[in-house]
Structures are given as C-alpha cells and as structure tokens.
Amino acid sequence: MKCPLTQVTQLIYDLRENYAIFCSAVIYPVVPKDVVMLRLIPTAGHSIADVDYTVKAFKEIKRKVDNDEYPHEMADFSKKQ
C-alpha cells in the first residue's frame, strides 16, 4: 500500500486500539521508499472467525486510506482523546 509514514503510524494505532489487531509496518529499506507493507503473524491459535474478522477490519482500513481519513500529521497519543 502507498501511504505516508505518519498515516501508517496512525493506521497501525487504529488497528490495535479499535480492532484489537496487532501488526507491524515494514518500511524502507526492506521495501521501496514509497511502499509500506503490514505484517501479521497468524498462529494455530487463530480461528477461521479470527481470519474473517481481520479481513473485514482490513477492508475498513483500506476504505479509510482510500478516503484519506488518517491525518497527515502525527497525533499526540500522550494526551487523552
């Protein structure tokens, strides 16, 4: 996915806090400078329902990215929102 790093940081925060999905970002130099890859680590403990939930969550996240819903500037997560 192509997305500025500031938006990716907030996307990952959104996944963790609002969807209970932990993933990490893979950035340059592992991937080209304008590309970000999200890494999930599925285990045998995950069910098909977990996979379905994750796919649904990522579709929602993709919609948010496409609609430019993540701020282009870093949010201050130290303050209660």
PDB file of N, CA and C in Angstrom:
ATOM      1  N   MET A   1       0.851  -1.172   0.000  1.00  0.00           N
ATOM      2  CA  MET A   1       0.000   0.000   0.000  1.00  0.00           C
ATOM      3  C   MET A   1       0.890   1.225   0.000  1.00  0.00           C
ATOM      4  N   LYS A   2       0.500   2.248  -0.686  1.00  0.00           N
ATOM      5  CA  LYS A   2       1.235   3.509  -0.667  1.00  0.00           C
ATOM      6  C   LYS A   2       0.521   4.444   0.280  1.00  0.00           C
ATOM      7  N   CYS A   3       1.265   4.914   1.274  1.00  0.00           N
ATOM      8  CA  CYS A   3       0.669   5.738   2.319  1.00  0.00           C
ATOM      9  C   CYS A   3       1.817   6.411   3.071  1.00  0.00           C
ATOM     10  N   PRO A   4       1.726   7.715   3.348  1.00  0.00           N
ATOM     11  CA  PRO A   4       2.794   8.371   4.115  1.00  0.00           C
ATOM     12  C   PRO A   4       2.985   7.718   5.495  1.00  0.00           C
ATOM     13  N   LEU A   5       4.215   7.713   5.967  1.00  0.00           N
ATOM     14  CA  LEU A   5       4.542   7.054   7.229  1.00  0.00           C
ATOM     15  C   LEU A   5       3.723   7.593   8.398  1.00  0.00           C
ATOM     16  N   THR A   6       3.428   8.879   8.408  1.00  0.00           N
ATOM     17  CA  THR A   6       2.613   9.429   9.500  1.00  0.00           C
ATOM     18  C   THR A   6       1.219   8.799   9.497  1.00  0.00           C
ATOM     19  N   GLN A   7       0.662   8.577   8.320  1.00  0.00           N
ATOM     20  CA  GLN A   7      -0.653   7.939   8.235  1.00  0.00           C
ATOM     21  C   GLN A   7      -0.565   6.464   8.613  1.00  0.00           C
ATOM     22  N   VAL A   8       0.516   5.813   8.227  1.00  0.00           N
ATOM     23  CA  VAL A   8       0.694   4.394   8.561  1.00  0.00           C
ATOM     24  C   VAL A   8       0.757   4.215  10.068  1.00  0.00           C
ATOM     25  N   THR A   9       1.456   5.094  10.743  1.00  0.00           N
ATOM     26  CA  THR A   9       1.554   5.017  12.197  1.00  0.00           C
ATOM     27  C   THR A   9       0.171   5.106  12.827  1.00  0.00           C
ATOM     28  N   GLN A  10      -0.649   5.989  12.337  1.00  0.00           N
ATOM     29  CA  GLN A  10      -1.998   6.143  12.881  1.00  0.00           C
ATOM     30  C   GLN A  10      -2.908   4.995  12.461  1.00  0.00           C
ATOM     31  N   LEU A  11      -2.686   4.443  11.287  1.00  0.00           N
ATOM     32  CA  LEU A  11      -3.425   3.268  10.835  1.00  0.00           C
ATOM     33  C   LEU A  11      -3.146   2.086  11.768  1.00  0.00           C
ATOM     34  N   ILE A  12      -1.871   1.871  12.090  1.00  0.00           N
ATOM     35  CA  ILE A  12      -1.493   0.773  12.986  1.00  0.00           C
ATOM     36  C   ILE A  12      -2.094   0.990  14.374  1.00  0.00           C
ATOM     37  N   TYR A  13      -2.083   2.219  14.833  1.00  0.00           N
ATOM     38  CA  TYR A  13      -2.699   2.551  16.117  1.00  0.00           C
ATOM     39  C   TYR A  13      -4.201   2.245  16.078  1.00  0.00           C
ATOM     40  N   ASP A  14      -4.865   2.616  14.997  1.00  0.00           N
ATOM     41  CA  ASP A  14      -6.287   2.344  14.813  1.00  0.00           C
ATOM     42  C   ASP A  14      -6.546   0.839  14.857  1.00  0.00           C
ATOM     43  N   LEU A  15      -5.743   0.057  14.144  1.00  0.00           N
ATOM     44  CA  LEU A  15      -5.914  -1.400  14.161  1.00  0.00           C
ATOM     45  C   LEU A  15      -5.786  -1.957  15.574  1.00  0.00           C
ATOM     46  N   ARG A  16      -4.787  -1.497  16.298  1.00  0.00           N
ATOM     47  CA  ARG A  16      -4.546  -2.019  17.647  1.00  0.00           C
ATOM     48  C   ARG A  16      -5.638  -1.591  18.623  1.00  0.00           C
ATOM     49  N   GLU A  17      -5.955  -0.304  18.646  1.00  0.00           N
ATOM     50  CA  GLU A  17      -6.881   0.217  19.650  1.00  0.00           C
ATOM     51  C   GLU A  17      -8.355  -0.028  19.330  1.00  0.00           C
ATOM     52  N   ASN A  18      -8.721  -0.004  18.069  1.00  0.00           N
ATOM     53  CA  ASN A  18     -10.135  -0.083  17.709  1.00  0.00           C
ATOM     54  C   ASN A  18     -10.564  -1.428  17.140  1.00  0.00           C
ATOM     55  N   TYR A  19      -9.601  -2.234  16.707  1.00  0.00           N
ATOM     56  CA  TYR A  19      -9.933  -3.538  16.137  1.00  0.00           C
ATOM     57  C   TYR A  19      -9.256  -4.690  16.888  1.00  0.00           C
ATOM     58  N   ALA A  20      -8.409  -4.381  17.849  1.00  0.00           N
ATOM     59  CA  ALA A  20      -7.672  -5.391  18.623  1.00  0.00           C
ATOM     60  C   ALA A  20      -6.823  -6.290  17.724  1.00  0.00           C
ATOM     61  N   ILE A  21      -6.230  -5.679  16.695  1.00  0.00           N
ATOM     62  CA  ILE A  21      -5.353  -6.404  15.771  1.00  0.00           C
ATOM     63  C   ILE A  21      -3.967  -5.787  15.870  1.00  0.00           C
ATOM     64  N   PHE A  22      -2.984  -6.621  16.170  1.00  0.00           N
ATOM     65  CA  PHE A  22      -1.606  -6.144  16.228  1.00  0.00           C
ATOM     66  C   PHE A  22      -0.912  -6.480  14.923  1.00  0.00           C
ATOM     67  N   CYS A  23      -0.314  -5.491  14.321  1.00  0.00           N
ATOM     68  CA  CYS A  23       0.522  -5.720  13.138  1.00  0.00           C
ATOM     69  C   CYS A  23       1.677  -4.729  13.203  1.00  0.00           C
ATOM     70  N   SER A  24       2.698  -5.037  12.441  1.00  0.00           N
ATOM     71  CA  SER A  24       3.836  -4.126  12.374  1.00  0.00           C
ATOM     72  C   SER A  24       4.000  -3.658  10.936  1.00  0.00           C
ATOM     73  N   ALA A  25       4.660  -2.530  10.779  1.00  0.00           N
ATOM     74  CA  ALA A  25       4.903  -1.975   9.454  1.00  0.00           C
ATOM     75  C   ALA A  25       6.300  -2.358   8.988  1.00  0.00           C
ATOM     76  N   VAL A  26       6.391  -2.714   7.740  1.00  0.00           N
ATOM     77  CA  VAL A  26       7.682  -2.972   7.100  1.00  0.00           C
ATOM     78  C   VAL A  26       7.930  -1.793   6.172  1.00  0.00           C
ATOM     79  N   ILE A  27       9.026  -1.082   6.419  1.00  0.00           N
ATOM     80  CA  ILE A  27       9.313   0.141   5.664  1.00  0.00           C
ATOM     81  C   ILE A  27      10.693   0.056   5.024  1.00  0.00           C
ATOM     82  N   TYR A  28      11.052   1.104   4.299  1.00  0.00           N
ATOM     83  CA  TYR A  28      12.356   1.207   3.656  1.00  0.00           C
ATOM     84  C   TYR A  28      13.454   0.991   4.687  1.00  0.00           C
ATOM     85  N   PRO A  29      14.472   0.238   4.396  1.00  0.00           N
ATOM     86  CA  PRO A  29      14.967  -0.258   3.124  1.00  0.00           C
ATOM     87  C   PRO A  29      14.494  -1.656   2.749  1.00  0.00           C
ATOM     88  N   VAL A  30      13.601  -2.244   3.527  1.00  0.00           N
ATOM     89  CA  VAL A  30      13.112  -3.586   3.200  1.00  0.00           C
ATOM     90  C   VAL A  30      12.201  -3.554   1.975  1.00  0.00           C
ATOM     91  N   VAL A  31      11.417  -2.495   1.870  1.00  0.00           N
ATOM     92  CA  VAL A  31      10.552  -2.287   0.708  1.00  0.00           C
ATOM     93  C   VAL A  31      10.916  -0.929   0.104  1.00  0.00           C
ATOM     94  N   PRO A  32      10.486  -0.649  -1.135  1.00  0.00           N
ATOM     95  CA  PRO A  32      10.799   0.659  -1.728  1.00  0.00           C
ATOM     96  C   PRO A  32      10.313   1.818  -0.858  1.00  0.00           C
ATOM     97  N   LYS A  33      10.937   2.984  -1.004  1.00  0.00           N
ATOM     98  CA  LYS A  33      10.665   4.141  -0.146  1.00  0.00           C
ATOM     99  C   LYS A  33       9.196   4.539  -0.066  1.00  0.00           C
ATOM    100  N   ASP A  34       8.449   4.456  -1.131  1.00  0.00           N
ATOM    101  CA  ASP A  34       7.049   4.889  -1.121  1.00  0.00           C
ATOM    102  C   ASP A  34       6.073   3.774  -0.765  1.00  0.00           C
ATOM    103  N   VAL A  35       6.568   2.632  -0.328  1.00  0.00           N
ATOM    104  CA  VAL A  35       5.718   1.480  -0.064  1.00  0.00           C
ATOM    105  C   VAL A  35       5.801   1.104   1.405  1.00  0.00           C
ATOM    106  N   VAL A  36       4.670   0.717   1.957  1.00  0.00           N
ATOM    107  CA  VAL A  36       4.617   0.191   3.322  1.00  0.00           C
ATOM    108  C   VAL A  36       3.910  -1.148   3.261  1.00  0.00           C
ATOM    109  N   MET A  37       4.472  -2.134   3.921  1.00  0.00           N
ATOM    110  CA  MET A  37       3.857  -3.444   3.992  1.00  0.00           C
ATOM    111  C   MET A  37       3.474  -3.695   5.449  1.00  0.00           C
ATOM    112  N   LEU A  38       2.283  -4.184   5.666  1.00  0.00           N
ATOM    113  CA  LEU A  38       1.847  -4.512   7.021  1.00  0.00           C
ATOM    114  C   LEU A  38       2.060  -5.997   7.258  1.00  0.00           C
ATOM    115  N   ARG A  39       2.649  -6.325   8.405  1.00  0.00           N
ATOM    116  CA  ARG A  39       2.982  -7.709   8.714  1.00  0.00           C
ATOM    117  C   ARG A  39       2.109  -8.213   9.860  1.00  0.00           C
ATOM    118  N   LEU A  40       1.430  -9.311   9.603  1.00  0.00           N
ATOM    119  CA  LEU A  40       0.646 -10.010  10.617  1.00  0.00           C
ATOM    120  C   LEU A  40       1.329 -11.334  10.915  1.00  0.00           C
ATOM    121  N   ILE A  41       1.141 -11.848  12.116  1.00  0.00           N
ATOM    122  CA  ILE A  41       1.716 -13.143  12.463  1.00  0.00           C
ATOM    123  C   ILE A  41       0.586 -14.062  12.930  1.00  0.00           C
ATOM    124  N   PRO A  42      -0.026 -14.786  11.996  1.00  0.00           N
ATOM    125  CA  PRO A  42      -1.081 -15.717  12.391  1.00  0.00           C
ATOM    126  C   PRO A  42      -0.467 -16.951  13.056  1.00  0.00           C
ATOM    127  N   THR A  43      -1.216 -17.548  13.948  1.00  0.00           N
ATOM    128  CA  THR A  43      -0.762 -18.762  14.626  1.00  0.00           C
ATOM    129  C   THR A  43      -1.864 -19.808  14.563  1.00  0.00           C
ATOM    130  N   ALA A  44      -1.541 -21.018  15.002  1.00  0.00           N
ATOM    131  CA  ALA A  44      -2.527 -22.098  15.032  1.00  0.00           C
ATOM    132  C   ALA A  44      -3.655 -21.787  16.010  1.00  0.00           C
ATOM    133  N   GLY A  45      -3.422 -20.846  16.910  1.00  0.00           N
ATOM    134  CA  GLY A  45      -4.445 -20.459  17.878  1.00  0.00           C
ATOM    135  C   GLY A  45      -5.529 -19.570  17.290  1.00  0.00           C
ATOM    136  N   HIS A  46      -5.312 -19.055  16.091  1.00  0.00           N
ATOM    137  CA  HIS A  46      -6.321 -18.214  15.440  1.00  0.00           C
ATOM    138  C   HIS A  46      -7.350 -19.092  14.734  1.00  0.00           C
ATOM    139  N   SER A  47      -8.591 -18.699  14.836  1.00  0.00           N
ATOM    140  CA  SER A  47      -9.683 -19.446  14.202  1.00  0.00           C
ATOM    141  C   SER A  47     -10.020 -18.840  12.841  1.00  0.00           C
ATOM    142  N   ILE A  48     -10.853 -19.541  12.097  1.00  0.00           N
ATOM    143  CA  ILE A  48     -11.347 -19.004  10.823  1.00  0.00           C
ATOM    144  C   ILE A  48     -12.128 -17.716  11.093  1.00  0.00           C
ATOM    145  N   ALA A  49     -12.840 -17.661  12.202  1.00  0.00           N
ATOM    146  CA  ALA A  49     -13.566 -16.438  12.568  1.00  0.00           C
ATOM    147  C   ALA A  49     -12.590 -15.278  12.782  1.00  0.00           C
ATOM    148  N   ASP A  50     -11.430 -15.559  13.393  1.00  0.00           N
ATOM    149  CA  ASP A  50     -10.402 -14.523  13.568  1.00  0.00           C
ATOM    150  C   ASP A  50      -9.914 -14.020  12.209  1.00  0.00           C
ATOM    151  N   VAL A  51      -9.712 -14.929  11.278  1.00  0.00           N
ATOM    152  CA  VAL A  51      -9.260 -14.557   9.938  1.00  0.00           C
ATOM    153  C   VAL A  51     -10.333 -13.717   9.248  1.00  0.00           C
ATOM    154  N   ASP A  52     -11.578 -14.138   9.322  1.00  0.00           N
ATOM    155  CA  ASP A  52     -12.681 -13.386   8.713  1.00  0.00           C
ATOM    156  C   ASP A  52     -12.773 -11.981   9.308  1.00  0.00           C
ATOM    157  N   TYR A  53     -12.640 -11.879  10.636  1.00  0.00           N
ATOM    158  CA  TYR A  53     -12.680 -10.586  11.314  1.00  0.00           C
ATOM    159  C   TYR A  53     -11.543  -9.684  10.825  1.00  0.00           C
ATOM    160  N   THR A  54     -10.353 -10.264  10.696  1.00  0.00           N
ATOM    161  CA  THR A  54      -9.186  -9.499  10.257  1.00  0.00           C
ATOM    162  C   THR A  54      -9.355  -9.001   8.821  1.00  0.00           C
ATOM    163  N   VAL A  55      -9.866  -9.848   7.959  1.00  0.00           N
ATOM    164  CA  VAL A  55     -10.106  -9.435   6.567  1.00  0.00           C
ATOM    165  C   VAL A  55     -11.119  -8.292   6.532  1.00  0.00           C
ATOM    166  N   LYS A  56     -12.182  -8.413   7.324  1.00  0.00           N
ATOM    167  CA  LYS A  56     -13.189  -7.342   7.379  1.00  0.00           C
ATOM    168  C   LYS A  56     -12.561  -6.042   7.896  1.00  0.00           C
ATOM    169  N   ALA A  57     -11.754  -6.136   8.942  1.00  0.00           N
ATOM    170  CA  ALA A  57     -11.101  -4.954   9.505  1.00  0.00           C
ATOM    171  C   ALA A  57     -10.182  -4.306   8.475  1.00  0.00           C
ATOM    172  N   PHE A  58      -9.414  -5.116   7.744  1.00  0.00           N
ATOM    173  CA  PHE A  58      -8.505  -4.557   6.749  1.00  0.00           C
ATOM    174  C   PHE A  58      -9.262  -3.913   5.592  1.00  0.00           C
ATOM    175  N   LYS A  59     -10.423  -4.424   5.259  1.00  0.00           N
ATOM    176  CA  LYS A  59     -11.251  -3.770   4.231  1.00  0.00           C
ATOM    177  C   LYS A  59     -11.693  -2.386   4.718  1.00  0.00           C
ATOM    178  N   GLU A  60     -12.050  -2.288   5.996  1.00  0.00           N
ATOM    179  CA  GLU A  60     -12.429  -0.991   6.567  1.00  0.00           C
ATOM    180  C   GLU A  60     -11.234  -0.039   6.592  1.00  0.00           C
ATOM    181  N   ILE A  61     -10.076  -0.550   6.957  1.00  0.00           N
ATOM    182  CA  ILE A  61      -8.860   0.256   6.986  1.00  0.00           C
ATOM    183  C   ILE A  61      -8.518   0.734   5.568  1.00  0.00           C
ATOM    184  N   LYS A  62      -8.633  -0.146   4.589  1.00  0.00           N
ATOM    185  CA  LYS A  62      -8.366   0.223   3.188  1.00  0.00           C
ATOM    186  C   LYS A  62      -9.306   1.338   2.750  1.00  0.00           C
ATOM    187  N   ARG A  63     -10.575   1.250   3.137  1.00  0.00           N
ATOM    188  CA  ARG A  63     -11.540   2.294   2.800  1.00  0.00           C
ATOM    189  C   ARG A  63     -11.098   3.623   3.413  1.00  0.00           C
ATOM    190  N   LYS A  64     -10.642   3.582   4.676  1.00  0.00           N
ATOM    191  CA  LYS A  64     -10.179   4.798   5.342  1.00  0.00           C
ATOM    192  C   LYS A  64      -8.969   5.393   4.633  1.00  0.00           C
ATOM    193  N   VAL A  65      -8.035   4.551   4.210  1.00  0.00           N
ATOM    194  CA  VAL A  65      -6.857   5.030   3.489  1.00  0.00           C
ATOM    195  C   VAL A  65      -7.285   5.649   2.157  1.00  0.00           C
ATOM    196  N   ASP A  66      -8.154   4.949   1.433  1.00  0.00           N
ATOM    197  CA  ASP A  66      -8.621   5.453   0.135  1.00  0.00           C
ATOM    198  C   ASP A  66      -9.358   6.783   0.263  1.00  0.00           C
ATOM    199  N   ASN A  67     -10.056   6.977   1.381  1.00  0.00           N
ATOM    200  CA  ASN A  67     -10.801   8.215   1.619  1.00  0.00           C
ATOM    201  C   ASN A  67      -9.971   9.266   2.350  1.00  0.00           C
ATOM    202  N   ASP A  68      -8.685   8.964   2.544  1.00  0.00           N
ATOM    203  CA  ASP A  68      -7.758   9.907   3.178  1.00  0.00           C
ATOM    204  C   ASP A  68      -8.244  10.335   4.567  1.00  0.00           C
ATOM    205  N   GLU A  69      -8.715   9.359   5.343  1.00  0.00           N
ATOM    206  CA  GLU A  69      -9.263   9.654   6.670  1.00  0.00           C
ATOM    207  C   GLU A  69      -8.211   9.726   7.765  1.00  0.00           C
ATOM    208  N   TYR A  70      -7.006   9.257   7.495  1.00  0.00           N
ATOM    209  CA  TYR A  70      -5.958   9.344   8.510  1.00  0.00           C
ATOM    210  C   TYR A  70      -5.223  10.666   8.346  1.00  0.00           C
ATOM    211  N   PRO A  71      -4.992  11.378   9.451  1.00  0.00           N
ATOM    212  CA  PRO A  71      -4.311  12.670   9.373  1.00  0.00           C
ATOM    213  C   PRO A  71      -2.912  12.538   8.774  1.00  0.00           C
ATOM    214  N   HIS A  72      -2.476  13.584   8.116  1.00  0.00           N
ATOM    215  CA  HIS A  72      -1.139  13.600   7.523  1.00  0.00           C
ATOM    216  C   HIS A  72      -0.087  14.045   8.528  1.00  0.00           C
ATOM    217  N   GLU A  73      -0.515  14.531   9.679  1.00  0.00           N
ATOM    218  CA  GLU A  73       0.406  14.913  10.731  1.00  0.00           C
ATOM    219  C   GLU A  73       0.236  13.976  11.914  1.00  0.00           C
ATOM    220  N   MET A  74       1.288  13.791  12.655  1.00  0.00           N
ATOM    221  CA  MET A  74       1.250  12.870  13.794  1.00  0.00           C
ATOM    222  C   MET A  74       0.299  13.374  14.865  1.00  0.00           C
ATOM    223  N   ALA A  75      -0.509  12.462  15.377  1.00  0.00           N
ATOM    224  CA  ALA A  75      -1.371  12.774  16.506  1.00  0.00           C
ATOM    225  C   ALA A  75      -0.554  12.688  17.785  1.00  0.00           C
ATOM    226  N   ASP A  76      -0.965  13.409  18.798  1.00  0.00           N
ATOM    227  CA  ASP A  76      -0.286  13.336  20.086  1.00  0.00           C
ATOM    228  C   ASP A  76      -1.033  12.309  20.932  1.00  0.00           C
ATOM    229  N   PHE A  77      -0.526  11.077  20.943  1.00  0.00           N
ATOM    230  CA  PHE A  77      -1.184   9.990  21.660  1.00  0.00           C
ATOM    231  C   PHE A  77      -0.957  10.062  23.169  1.00  0.00           C
ATOM    232  N   SER A  78      -0.087  10.958  23.609  1.00  0.00           N
ATOM    233  CA  SER A  78       0.162  11.071  25.050  1.00  0.00           C
ATOM    234  C   SER A  78      -0.982  11.773  25.761  1.00  0.00           C
ATOM    235  N   LYS A  79      -1.789  12.509  25.001  1.00  0.00           N
ATOM    236  CA  LYS A  79      -2.935  13.204  25.581  1.00  0.00           C
ATOM    237  C   LYS A  79      -4.176  12.350  25.444  1.00  0.00           C
ATOM    238  N   LYS A  80      -4.989  12.333  26.460  1.00  0.00           N
ATOM    239  CA  LYS A  80      -6.240  11.591  26.394  1.00  0.00           C
ATOM    240  C   LYS A  80      -7.143  12.261  25.373  1.00  0.00           C
ATOM    241  N   GLN A  81      -7.736  11.443  24.520  1.00  0.00           N
ATOM    242  CA  GLN A  81      -8.589  11.981  23.472  1.00  0.00           C
ATOM    243  C   GLN A  81     -10.035  11.721  23.767  1.00  0.00           C
TER     244      GLN A  81
END
